[in-house]
Each structure stands twice: as structure tokens, then as C-alpha cells.
């Protein structure tokens, strides 16, 4: 039986209405695919707490995590991911990649120009529909 992992991803938009995208490094599983930054939800954490912690750890900046934007379950070859994307805004600092290969601010209408991790694709499509 495959393990199910609960993951929260940040949909962070800037003043230019661009969305922060993160490229998974070659050391990570699913290398060289784009994703919304975030990570695993720990026991006794709500989604917002988990996302704020993960973004601080991974990107070195503070965010205000808001409401759930999109949620879906995706089955990979070795595990199942429940990806919950949450809207967020930058509170302080500038995002800098520490685990990811690079970060990119991209207008919503150009999100499909990137090759996304399969679990992130439904949220990308939902964002584009709202343009």
C-alpha cells in the first residue's frame, strides 16, 4: 500500500499579479519540474502554520497564509500526494531558493509555459481559468 503524504503549496502573488514558481533541484524527487513552493504538513499543524513554516525554511521569507485555493490527490509511482494549495502574500523578505534550483515570478497566463510536477497541474489550470 502506498503512503499518502499531505502537502501544502503556496500561491504567492506579487503586486504585478505574477505567481511565484519554484523549480525542483536535481537532488529532489521529481527533479527539474516546477511546483508551488511548500512542503509536508506536520502533526498538530494547520495548513496555514505548515505553509508559513515551510516557506520560512525553504525560501527565507515570511508570508501570511490565507484561504485554500485548490486541493487534489495525485498518485505517483511510489506514493500518493494530497496537495492543498493556499493563497499567500509576502509579509517580509524576498524569496530566495535554498532547496530549489531557481525561483521565477510569472504572469498567470504564462504558467503553462513551464513543465509542472503532475500534482501541481490541476491548481495551475484553476489559476489560469481565473485570469
Protein backbone atom coordinates (compact mmCIF):
# COMPACT_ATOMS: atom_id res chain seq x y z
CA UNK A 1 0.00 0.00 0.00
CA UNK A 2 1.35 3.41 -0.98
CA UNK A 3 1.95 6.07 1.64
CA UNK A 4 -0.20 9.21 1.38
CA UNK A 5 1.62 12.49 2.03
CA UNK A 6 -0.28 15.68 2.89
CA UNK A 7 1.47 18.66 1.31
CA UNK A 8 0.63 22.35 1.29
CA UNK A 9 1.73 24.64 -1.57
CA UNK A 10 1.85 28.43 -1.63
CA UNK A 11 0.21 30.50 -4.32
CA UNK A 12 2.05 33.76 -3.72
CA UNK A 13 1.18 36.67 -5.98
CA UNK A 14 3.12 39.93 -6.23
CA UNK A 15 1.89 43.44 -7.00
CA UNK A 16 2.30 42.79 -10.74
CA UNK A 17 -0.17 39.86 -10.49
CA UNK A 18 2.64 37.34 -11.04
CA UNK A 19 2.79 33.97 -9.26
CA UNK A 20 5.91 32.57 -7.57
CA UNK A 21 7.03 29.30 -9.20
CA UNK A 22 9.82 27.04 -7.89
CA UNK A 23 11.98 24.66 -9.94
CA UNK A 24 12.78 21.40 -8.14
CA UNK A 25 16.54 20.83 -8.00
CA UNK A 26 18.25 17.72 -9.34
CA UNK A 27 18.73 16.49 -5.73
CA UNK A 28 14.97 16.43 -5.11
CA UNK A 29 12.49 13.79 -6.19
CA UNK A 30 10.78 14.83 -9.44
CA UNK A 31 13.83 16.92 -10.45
CA UNK A 32 13.59 19.78 -12.93
CA UNK A 33 9.82 20.11 -12.61
CA UNK A 34 8.09 23.28 -11.48
CA UNK A 35 5.89 23.46 -8.39
CA UNK A 36 4.28 25.85 -5.97
CA UNK A 37 6.71 26.08 -3.02
CA UNK A 38 5.70 24.47 0.26
CA UNK A 39 6.04 21.14 1.97
CA UNK A 40 4.65 18.49 4.25
CA UNK A 41 2.08 19.27 6.91
CA UNK A 42 3.38 18.05 10.29
CA UNK A 43 1.23 16.50 13.02
CA UNK A 44 -0.63 19.17 15.06
CA UNK A 45 -0.14 21.87 12.38
CA UNK A 46 -2.93 23.51 10.46
CA UNK A 47 -2.42 24.27 6.77
CA UNK A 48 -1.51 27.91 7.30
CA UNK A 49 1.03 27.16 10.06
CA UNK A 50 2.64 24.45 7.94
CA UNK A 51 2.89 26.71 4.90
CA UNK A 52 4.31 29.67 6.82
CA UNK A 53 6.93 27.36 8.43
CA UNK A 54 7.87 25.68 5.15
CA UNK A 55 8.26 28.97 3.24
CA UNK A 56 10.43 30.40 6.03
CA UNK A 57 12.62 27.27 5.95
CA UNK A 58 12.81 26.89 2.16
CA UNK A 59 12.75 30.47 0.92
CA UNK A 60 13.91 32.54 3.90
CA UNK A 61 10.96 34.92 3.85
CA UNK A 62 7.77 35.38 5.85
CA UNK A 63 4.29 35.01 4.38
CA UNK A 64 0.72 35.37 5.54
CA UNK A 65 -1.07 32.17 4.54
CA UNK A 66 -4.73 32.65 3.71
CA UNK A 67 -7.54 30.52 2.35
CA UNK A 68 -7.39 27.24 0.46
CA UNK A 69 -7.44 27.85 -3.30
CA UNK A 70 -7.31 24.29 -4.65
CA UNK A 71 -6.96 20.73 -3.41
CA UNK A 72 -6.38 17.46 -5.23
CA UNK A 73 -4.96 13.98 -4.79
CA UNK A 74 -2.37 12.62 -7.23
CA UNK A 75 -0.95 9.13 -7.31
CA UNK A 76 2.71 8.83 -8.24
CA UNK A 77 4.50 5.54 -8.81
CA UNK A 78 5.67 5.14 -5.19
CA UNK A 79 3.39 7.43 -3.14
CA UNK A 80 0.15 9.40 -3.13
CA UNK A 81 0.16 13.15 -2.55
CA UNK A 82 -2.70 15.23 -1.24
CA UNK A 83 -1.72 18.71 -2.45
CA UNK A 84 -3.56 21.63 -0.90
CA UNK A 85 -2.71 24.98 -2.48
CA UNK A 86 -3.23 28.02 -0.25
CA UNK A 87 -3.23 31.67 -1.26
CA UNK A 88 -0.48 33.63 0.48
CA UNK A 89 1.10 37.06 0.48
CA UNK A 90 4.65 38.14 1.24
CA UNK A 91 4.94 39.68 4.70
CA UNK A 92 8.69 40.32 4.86
CA UNK A 93 11.85 39.43 2.99
CA UNK A 94 12.41 38.32 -0.58
CA UNK A 95 12.10 34.65 -1.54
CA UNK A 96 15.49 33.03 -2.19
CA UNK A 97 15.96 29.40 -3.25
CA UNK A 98 17.82 27.17 -0.81
CA UNK A 99 16.44 23.75 -1.79
CA UNK A 100 15.07 24.65 -5.24
CA UNK A 101 17.21 25.26 -8.33
CA UNK A 102 15.58 28.61 -9.02
CA UNK A 103 12.51 30.75 -8.43
CA UNK A 104 10.52 32.65 -11.04
CA UNK A 105 7.71 35.22 -10.92
CA UNK A 106 5.42 34.54 -13.84
CA UNK A 107 2.11 36.04 -15.04
CA UNK A 108 -0.75 33.55 -14.62
CA UNK A 109 -1.42 33.40 -18.34
CA UNK A 110 2.16 32.14 -18.92
CA UNK A 111 2.14 29.37 -16.30
CA UNK A 112 1.63 26.67 -18.93
CA UNK A 113 4.99 27.58 -20.48
CA UNK A 114 6.64 25.63 -17.63
CA UNK A 115 6.79 21.85 -17.14
CA UNK A 116 4.94 21.31 -13.84
CA UNK A 117 5.01 18.41 -11.40
CA UNK A 118 1.87 16.37 -12.16
CA UNK A 119 0.27 17.05 -8.76
CA UNK A 120 0.51 20.82 -9.34
CA UNK A 121 -1.10 20.85 -12.79
CA UNK A 122 -4.77 20.99 -11.62
CA UNK A 123 -4.00 24.07 -9.48
CA UNK A 124 -2.16 25.70 -12.41
CA UNK A 125 -5.19 25.10 -14.62
CA UNK A 126 -7.53 26.53 -11.96
CA UNK A 127 -5.36 29.66 -11.67
CA UNK A 128 -5.38 30.21 -15.42
CA UNK A 129 -9.18 29.84 -15.56
CA UNK A 130 -9.47 32.72 -13.05
CA UNK A 131 -7.42 35.14 -15.23
